[in-house]
Amino acid sequence: MKTAFSTLLTLLLFLGSFNLAAQEEKSLVNQRVLVKMYGSKEYGGILLEENQSTILLRTVHGDFNLLRKEIKQIQVVEYDGPYYFANQHYTRYFLAPSAIPLEKGRAQYNNFWVTTNAINYGITKNITVGAGLEFVTLFSEDAPIWFVDTKIGGQLGDKFYLAGGLIYYQDPFQDAITLGYVVSTFGSPESNVSIGVGYNFSEDYTYEFVEEEGLIATLSGTTRATNRVSFVSESDFNFDLESFGVIQHYSGTHGLMIQLYKHSIRVGGIVNWQQSSSVELFPYLGYGLVF
C-alpha cells in the first residue's frame, strides 16, 4: 500500500512539473501581442507580465492590467520593428494611394475635411476596391459628389511594390472624371517613397489638381518618427502635354499622421499653385480606421 501511494505521488509530481513546463513554454512575456477583448476593444503592445487572472500590457497609451476573464484571444504579432506595433495605415498618404495593398478581408475607413467619407476593402491580397461620398452635396439640388476606385497590385520584391488603378469621380458641378494610374512604392509600411503617374481621360473636366485631359505625376512619402507620429508628404504635378510637359499646376499636402494603432489622425497644410495665379494655402484634416 505504501509503495503504491509513493508511486502515485511520484506520478502526480511528474505530471505537475510537465504541465508547468508546458505553460512556461507557452509564455508570451516580452512578446508583441494583439489582445482582443469580449466586445469590440483591442489592445496592441508588449506583454510584460502574466498570471492566471491578469496580464500586464505595455501600449502607446501606457501600461494596462487586463483581466483574463474579459480577454477573448491573445495573438502574437509578427513584427520585429522598433515600435510597439506596425503601421496599420500604409495604403494611403493624405489622398494619394501607395502601391501597398490592403490585406485580404481588411477594410479601411477614411474621412477627409469632416464632410467626405470613403471606405476601401481588400477582396484579395492583391485587389482593393473602394467608394466614397461627400455629405454636404447630398442636400444640393443636383446629385452628390461620389467616387469609386479599384487598385490591383502587390509586393514584387523585398522593399518594392507596384500597383495600378482606376478612379471614377462624379461631381454635380463639373463633368465626371475617369483617372487611370500606376504607382510604385519603395520601402516598408513604416517608411517609404512612392512615385506615380496618372492620366485623366476626361476632356472637359477642369477642377482642383486635375486639369482637362492631361498627365498627372505624384511624389509621396512617409517616415515614422515615434510610436505615434509619422511625417507624411504628398505632391501632385499636372503637366500640359501640348506645351512639351510644362508644369501648369502643383498641389502638395504636407504634415503629420498620428497613429493610435487602428486609428489615425492626419493634419497638415495644402499648398496649391497654378500658372498665372498666386499660391494658395489650405488646412488639411483627416481620420482613418482599419478593421
Protein backbone atom coordinates (compact mmCIF):
# COMPACT_ATOMS: atom_id res chain seq x y z
CA MET A 1 0.00 0.00 0.00
CA LYS A 2 2.82 2.34 0.96
CA THR A 3 4.63 1.51 -2.28
CA ALA A 4 1.51 2.19 -4.36
CA PHE A 5 0.99 5.53 -2.60
CA SER A 6 4.61 6.54 -3.28
CA THR A 7 4.26 5.60 -6.94
CA LEU A 8 1.05 7.62 -7.31
CA LEU A 9 2.61 10.65 -5.60
CA THR A 10 5.66 10.48 -7.88
CA LEU A 11 3.40 10.28 -10.95
CA LEU A 12 1.37 13.31 -9.84
CA LEU A 13 4.50 15.35 -9.21
CA PHE A 14 5.84 14.39 -12.62
CA LEU A 15 2.61 15.38 -14.36
CA GLY A 16 2.50 18.66 -12.44
CA SER A 17 6.04 19.57 -13.38
CA PHE A 18 5.36 18.62 -17.02
CA ASN A 19 2.27 20.83 -17.09
CA LEU A 20 4.19 23.72 -15.53
CA ALA A 21 6.95 23.38 -18.10
CA ALA A 22 4.39 23.40 -20.91
CA GLN A 23 2.84 26.60 -19.52
CA GLU A 24 6.26 28.21 -19.31
CA GLU A 25 6.98 27.26 -22.92
CA LYS A 26 3.77 28.99 -23.99
CA SER A 27 4.54 32.17 -22.06
CA LEU A 28 4.08 35.31 -24.14
CA VAL A 29 6.06 37.59 -21.82
CA ASN A 30 8.16 40.18 -23.70
CA GLN A 31 6.41 39.42 -26.99
CA ARG A 32 4.36 41.81 -29.11
CA VAL A 33 0.73 40.75 -28.96
CA LEU A 34 -2.74 41.81 -30.01
CA VAL A 35 -5.27 41.33 -27.20
CA LYS A 36 -8.91 41.01 -28.32
CA MET A 37 -11.44 41.63 -25.56
CA TYR A 38 -15.03 40.42 -25.44
CA GLY A 39 -16.89 43.22 -27.20
CA SER A 40 -15.03 45.37 -29.69
CA LYS A 41 -11.94 46.60 -27.83
CA GLU A 42 -8.45 45.58 -28.88
CA TYR A 43 -5.05 46.37 -27.36
CA GLY A 44 -1.69 46.10 -29.07
CA GLY A 45 1.65 46.17 -27.31
CA ILE A 46 4.27 44.21 -25.40
CA LEU A 47 3.14 41.71 -22.78
CA LEU A 48 5.18 42.46 -19.63
CA GLU A 49 3.70 40.07 -17.07
CA GLU A 50 1.02 37.40 -16.89
CA ASN A 51 -0.61 35.15 -14.33
CA GLN A 52 -3.80 33.13 -14.07
CA SER A 53 -6.05 36.15 -13.52
CA THR A 54 -4.43 39.16 -15.26
CA ILE A 55 -1.87 40.26 -17.82
CA LEU A 56 0.18 43.47 -17.85
CA LEU A 57 0.38 45.02 -21.32
CA ARG A 58 2.54 48.00 -22.33
CA THR A 59 0.94 50.07 -25.11
CA VAL A 60 1.49 53.51 -26.60
CA HIS A 61 -1.15 54.77 -24.15
CA GLY A 62 0.64 53.35 -21.10
CA ASP A 63 0.54 50.11 -19.12
CA PHE A 64 -2.75 48.23 -18.70
CA ASN A 65 -3.74 45.41 -16.35
CA LEU A 66 -6.29 43.30 -18.23
CA LEU A 67 -8.46 40.62 -16.64
CA ARG A 68 -8.16 37.23 -18.31
CA LYS A 69 -11.89 36.58 -17.92
CA GLU A 70 -12.52 39.61 -20.18
CA ILE A 71 -9.98 38.52 -22.82
CA LYS A 72 -11.30 36.69 -25.85
CA GLN A 73 -8.00 36.00 -27.61
CA ILE A 74 -4.29 36.85 -27.47
CA GLN A 75 -2.40 36.78 -30.77
CA VAL A 76 1.34 37.09 -31.26
CA VAL A 77 2.11 39.95 -33.67
CA GLU A 78 4.65 39.02 -36.32
CA TYR A 79 6.51 42.32 -36.22
CA ASP A 80 10.17 42.86 -35.36
CA GLY A 81 10.42 46.63 -35.83
CA PRO A 82 11.46 49.17 -33.22
CA TYR A 83 7.90 50.27 -32.36
CA TYR A 84 5.13 48.78 -30.23
CA PHE A 85 3.07 47.96 -33.33
CA ALA A 86 3.39 48.01 -37.11
CA ASN A 87 1.93 50.85 -39.14
CA GLN A 88 -1.67 49.90 -39.97
CA HIS A 89 -2.33 52.90 -42.27
CA TYR A 90 0.00 52.18 -45.16
CA THR A 91 -2.28 52.19 -48.24
CA ARG A 92 -2.77 55.96 -48.44
CA TYR A 93 -0.84 59.13 -47.67
CA PHE A 94 -3.24 62.09 -47.50
CA LEU A 95 -5.27 61.50 -50.65
CA ALA A 96 -2.85 59.72 -52.99
CA PRO A 97 -2.52 55.92 -52.73
CA SER A 98 0.63 53.91 -52.19
CA ALA A 99 1.23 50.65 -54.06
CA ILE A 100 0.91 48.63 -50.83
CA PRO A 101 -2.45 46.79 -50.92
CA LEU A 102 -4.84 46.08 -48.10
CA GLU A 103 -4.72 42.57 -46.72
CA LYS A 104 -7.49 40.19 -47.75
CA GLY A 105 -10.60 40.74 -45.63
CA ARG A 106 -9.34 44.02 -44.13
CA ALA A 107 -11.19 47.31 -44.53
CA GLN A 108 -10.10 50.93 -44.13
CA TYR A 109 -12.33 53.92 -43.49
CA ASN A 110 -11.10 57.45 -44.25
CA ASN A 111 -12.63 60.83 -43.59
CA PHE A 112 -11.39 64.00 -45.30
CA TRP A 113 -12.25 67.51 -44.10
CA VAL A 114 -15.11 66.06 -41.99
CA THR A 115 -17.55 66.06 -44.93
CA THR A 116 -16.08 63.37 -47.22
CA ASN A 117 -16.13 59.69 -46.29
CA ALA A 118 -14.51 56.76 -48.08
CA ILE A 119 -14.09 53.06 -47.41
CA ASN A 120 -11.79 50.51 -49.06
CA TYR A 121 -11.83 46.74 -48.78
CA GLY A 122 -9.27 44.06 -49.65
CA ILE A 123 -11.10 41.49 -51.79
CA THR A 124 -7.88 39.51 -52.14
CA LYS A 125 -4.29 40.21 -51.11
CA ASN A 126 -3.82 41.93 -54.48
CA ILE A 127 -7.17 43.61 -55.21
CA THR A 128 -8.62 46.55 -53.28
CA VAL A 129 -11.92 48.27 -54.09
CA GLY A 130 -13.40 51.40 -52.59
CA ALA A 131 -16.08 54.08 -52.74
CA GLY A 132 -16.73 57.47 -51.19
CA LEU A 133 -19.36 60.16 -50.74
CA GLU A 134 -19.32 63.87 -49.88
CA PHE A 135 -22.16 64.60 -47.42
CA VAL A 136 -22.76 68.34 -47.95
CA THR A 137 -23.72 67.90 -51.60
CA LEU A 138 -26.38 65.39 -50.54
CA PHE A 139 -28.53 68.43 -49.79
CA SER A 140 -27.89 70.17 -53.12
CA GLU A 141 -30.36 70.20 -55.96
CA ASP A 142 -28.00 68.19 -58.11
CA ALA A 143 -26.55 64.73 -57.45
CA PRO A 144 -23.95 64.49 -54.65
CA ILE A 145 -20.21 64.13 -55.17
CA TRP A 146 -19.26 60.45 -55.12
CA PHE A 147 -16.43 58.29 -56.37
CA VAL A 148 -15.34 54.66 -56.78
CA ASP A 149 -11.85 53.25 -57.19
CA THR A 150 -10.02 49.98 -57.77
CA LYS A 151 -6.37 49.15 -57.12
CA ILE A 152 -4.60 45.97 -58.27
CA GLY A 153 -1.03 45.21 -57.26
CA GLY A 154 1.26 43.74 -54.67
CA GLN A 155 4.78 43.16 -53.44
CA LEU A 156 7.31 42.29 -56.14
CA GLY A 157 10.47 42.48 -54.06
CA ASP A 158 11.76 42.78 -50.53
CA LYS A 159 11.01 46.53 -50.44
CA PHE A 160 9.26 47.11 -53.75
CA TYR A 161 5.52 47.30 -54.50
CA LEU A 162 3.76 48.02 -57.79
CA ALA A 163 0.08 48.73 -58.41
CA GLY A 164 -2.31 50.17 -60.97
CA GLY A 165 -5.78 51.55 -60.52
CA LEU A 166 -8.78 53.37 -61.88
CA ILE A 167 -10.75 56.20 -60.22
CA TYR A 168 -14.17 57.44 -61.32
CA TYR A 169 -15.21 60.76 -59.74
CA GLN A 170 -18.69 62.27 -60.20
CA ASP A 171 -19.14 65.98 -59.44
CA PRO A 172 -22.56 67.63 -59.97
CA PHE A 173 -20.86 70.98 -60.68
CA GLN A 174 -18.44 69.58 -63.28
CA ASP A 175 -18.22 66.73 -65.74
CA ALA A 176 -17.21 63.32 -64.41
CA ILE A 177 -13.56 62.33 -64.34
CA THR A 178 -12.01 58.97 -65.17
CA LEU A 179 -8.42 58.71 -63.98
CA GLY A 180 -6.09 55.76 -64.53
CA TYR A 181 -2.81 55.49 -62.66
CA VAL A 182 0.27 53.38 -61.94
CA VAL A 183 2.22 53.78 -58.69
CA SER A 184 5.39 52.18 -57.36
CA THR A 185 6.42 52.18 -53.69
CA PHE A 186 9.95 51.71 -52.38
CA GLY A 187 10.49 50.85 -48.72
CA SER A 188 8.37 49.39 -45.93
CA PRO A 189 4.98 50.30 -44.48
CA GLU A 190 6.88 52.29 -41.81
CA SER A 191 8.97 54.46 -44.16
CA ASN A 192 8.63 54.62 -47.93
CA VAL A 193 8.58 56.74 -51.08
CA SER A 194 6.02 56.39 -53.90
CA ILE A 195 6.20 57.61 -57.48
CA GLY A 196 3.02 57.58 -59.51
CA VAL A 197 1.80 58.55 -62.97
CA GLY A 198 -1.84 59.09 -63.86
CA TYR A 199 -3.80 60.15 -66.91
CA ASN A 200 -7.10 62.00 -66.96
CA PHE A 201 -9.27 60.63 -69.77
CA SER A 202 -11.96 63.30 -69.33
CA GLU A 203 -11.66 66.06 -71.93
CA ASP A 204 -13.79 68.77 -70.34
CA TYR A 205 -13.06 68.37 -66.63
CA THR A 206 -11.11 71.26 -65.06
CA TYR A 207 -11.22 71.31 -61.29
CA GLU A 208 -8.69 71.38 -58.45
CA PHE A 209 -5.47 69.48 -59.28
CA VAL A 210 -6.95 67.60 -62.25
CA GLU A 211 -6.89 69.59 -65.47
CA GLU A 212 -8.62 68.61 -68.67
CA GLU A 213 -7.19 65.54 -70.38
CA GLY A 214 -3.63 65.60 -69.11
CA LEU A 215 -0.80 63.80 -67.39
CA ILE A 216 -0.50 63.79 -63.60
CA ALA A 217 2.60 62.76 -61.66
CA THR A 218 2.74 62.18 -57.91
CA LEU A 219 5.63 62.02 -55.46
CA SER A 220 4.70 60.90 -51.95
CA GLY A 221 6.46 59.60 -48.88
CA THR A 222 6.24 58.85 -45.20
CA THR A 223 8.70 58.16 -42.42
CA ARG A 224 7.87 57.05 -38.90
CA ALA A 225 9.44 59.15 -36.18
CA THR A 226 7.98 57.65 -32.98
CA ASN A 227 5.41 55.06 -31.88
CA ARG A 228 2.64 57.54 -32.62
CA VAL A 229 3.94 60.08 -35.15
CA SER A 230 4.86 59.79 -38.83
CA PHE A 231 5.83 62.57 -41.21
CA VAL A 232 3.80 62.47 -44.44
CA SER A 233 4.26 64.36 -47.71
CA GLU A 234 2.35 64.23 -50.99
CA SER A 235 2.91 66.27 -54.16
CA ASP A 236 0.83 66.27 -57.36
CA PHE A 237 2.12 67.76 -60.63
CA ASN A 238 -0.14 68.38 -63.60
CA PHE A 239 1.61 68.65 -66.97
CA ASP A 240 0.48 70.36 -70.17
CA LEU A 241 1.44 67.90 -72.91
CA GLU A 242 0.81 70.46 -75.66
CA SER A 243 3.44 72.72 -74.08
CA PHE A 244 6.08 69.99 -74.00
CA GLY A 245 5.39 68.87 -70.47
CA VAL A 246 5.40 72.24 -68.73
CA ILE A 247 4.03 72.02 -65.18
CA GLN A 248 0.80 74.00 -65.17
CA HIS A 249 -0.45 73.08 -61.69
CA TYR A 250 1.08 71.91 -58.42
CA SER A 251 -0.77 70.73 -55.32
CA GLY A 252 1.10 69.48 -52.26
CA THR A 253 -0.06 68.31 -48.85
CA HIS A 254 2.48 68.05 -46.05
CA GLY A 255 2.06 67.25 -42.37
CA LEU A 256 1.82 64.53 -39.74
CA MET A 257 -0.03 61.28 -39.15
CA ILE A 258 -0.75 60.46 -35.51
CA GLN A 259 -1.23 56.72 -35.06
CA LEU A 260 -3.34 55.13 -32.34
CA TYR A 261 -2.96 51.58 -33.64
CA LYS A 262 -6.18 51.07 -35.64
CA HIS A 263 -6.98 54.78 -35.58
CA SER A 264 -5.06 57.60 -37.23
CA ILE A 265 -5.37 61.38 -37.47
CA ARG A 266 -3.75 63.29 -40.32
CA VAL A 267 -3.12 67.02 -40.02
CA GLY A 268 -1.26 69.27 -42.42
CA GLY A 269 -1.35 72.06 -44.91
CA ILE A 270 -2.16 72.15 -48.63
CA VAL A 271 -0.09 74.26 -51.00
CA ASN A 272 -1.87 75.00 -54.28
CA TRP A 273 -0.24 76.75 -57.25
CA GLN A 274 -1.28 77.41 -60.85
CA GLN A 275 0.33 79.28 -63.68
CA SER A 276 -0.63 82.95 -63.75
CA SER A 277 -2.07 82.79 -60.23
CA SER A 278 -0.84 83.21 -56.67
CA VAL A 279 -0.05 80.43 -54.20
CA GLU A 280 -2.99 79.30 -52.06
CA LEU A 281 -2.75 77.66 -48.63
CA PHE A 282 -5.41 75.46 -47.00
CA PRO A 283 -5.53 73.32 -43.85
CA TYR A 284 -5.95 69.55 -44.06
CA LEU A 285 -7.64 67.28 -41.53
CA GLY A 286 -8.30 63.58 -41.94
CA TYR A 287 -9.17 60.50 -39.90
CA GLY A 288 -8.57 56.81 -40.63
CA LEU A 289 -9.69 53.50 -39.16
CA VAL A 290 -8.66 49.98 -40.17
CA PHE A 291 -10.76 46.95 -39.21
